[in-house]
Protein backbone atom coordinates (compact mmCIF):
# COMPACT_ATOMS: atom_id res chain seq x y z
CA MET A 1 -75.17 19.40 16.76
CA SER A 2 -71.96 19.51 17.14
CA GLN A 3 -71.74 16.67 19.76
CA TYR A 4 -71.91 14.34 16.66
CA VAL A 5 -68.87 16.14 15.34
CA TYR A 6 -66.76 15.48 18.54
CA ILE A 7 -67.91 12.28 18.82
CA GLY A 8 -67.26 12.08 14.62
CA GLY A 9 -64.10 13.85 15.47
CA GLY A 10 -63.20 11.24 18.80
CA VAL A 11 -64.33 8.10 16.42
CA ILE A 12 -61.41 9.05 13.67
CA ALA A 13 -58.48 9.89 16.18
CA LEU A 14 -59.30 6.44 18.11
CA ALA A 15 -59.29 5.47 14.10
CA PHE A 16 -55.77 7.02 13.51
CA VAL A 17 -54.19 5.75 16.65
CA ALA A 18 -55.45 1.79 16.44
CA TRP A 19 -53.87 2.70 12.16
CA LEU A 20 -50.55 3.86 14.53
CA ILE A 21 -50.54 0.91 16.36
CA TRP A 22 -51.30 -1.62 13.72
CA PHE A 23 -48.43 0.12 11.61
CA SER A 24 -46.07 -0.27 13.49
CA TYR A 25 -46.47 -3.76 14.75
CA ARG A 26 -46.05 -4.39 11.07
CA ALA A 27 -43.35 -2.65 10.93
CA GLY A 28 -41.43 -4.58 14.14
CA LYS A 29 -42.81 -7.73 12.59
CA ASN A 30 -40.81 -6.94 9.48
CA ASN A 31 -37.22 -6.00 11.08
CA ALA A 32 -37.28 -8.50 13.89
CA SER A 33 -38.16 -10.64 9.84
CA VAL A 34 -34.83 -8.84 8.26
CA THR A 35 -32.93 -9.57 11.09
CA THR A 36 -33.07 -13.27 11.49
CA ALA A 37 -32.48 -13.32 8.11
CA GLN A 38 -29.77 -11.04 7.96
CA ALA A 39 -28.11 -13.67 11.07
CA ALA A 40 -29.08 -16.83 9.09
CA THR A 41 -27.12 -15.35 6.29
CA ASP A 42 -24.05 -14.22 8.46
CA SER A 43 -24.46 -17.53 9.48
CA ALA A 44 -24.38 -19.64 6.19
CA THR A 45 -21.30 -17.41 5.48
CA ALA A 46 -19.11 -18.34 8.24
CA ILE A 47 -19.99 -22.45 7.42
CA THR A 48 -19.36 -21.68 3.51
CA THR A 49 -15.70 -20.70 4.51
CA LYS A 50 -14.40 -22.97 7.05
CA ALA A 51 -16.35 -25.89 4.39
CA GLU A 52 -14.04 -24.68 1.63
CA ALA A 53 -10.99 -23.77 3.72
CA MET A 54 -11.33 -27.89 4.61
CA ALA A 55 -11.90 -28.93 1.23
CA GLN A 56 -8.84 -26.24 0.01
CA ALA A 57 -6.64 -27.80 3.02
CA GLN A 58 -7.93 -31.16 1.58
CA ALA A 59 -6.70 -30.88 -2.09
CA ASP A 60 -3.21 -29.45 -0.65
CA LYS A 61 -2.42 -32.78 1.37
CA PRO A 62 0.25 -34.46 0.58
CA ASP A 63 0.00 -37.51 -1.38
CA SER A 64 2.62 -39.55 -0.22
CA GLU A 65 4.47 -40.83 2.94
CA SER A 66 7.49 -39.26 1.76
CA ALA A 67 5.75 -35.94 0.28
CA VAL A 68 4.75 -35.51 4.54
CA LEU A 69 8.50 -35.92 4.61
CA ALA A 70 9.41 -33.41 2.19
CA ARG A 71 7.29 -31.15 3.82
CA LEU A 72 8.19 -31.57 7.07
CA ASP A 73 12.00 -31.22 5.52
CA GLU A 74 11.22 -27.62 4.13
CA GLY A 75 9.63 -26.58 7.12
CA SER A 76 5.86 -25.66 4.79
CA ALA A 77 3.86 -28.44 6.67
């Protein structure tokens, strides 16, 4: 009779170890997904910042040759 108790305990312990392995795998997979998403967000932020700077430079450019020469004379170009 006690042999069945030991076998049952072993099965329960094995099931618990299998559950821990499964849980650890899922946690690692979720962590990798979050890390990838954060890297993509950082990349998108950098690209957006660069695009905004380019758009601002386009908006601030001089309209004519005389405006370019005036800015060069002022030293702000």
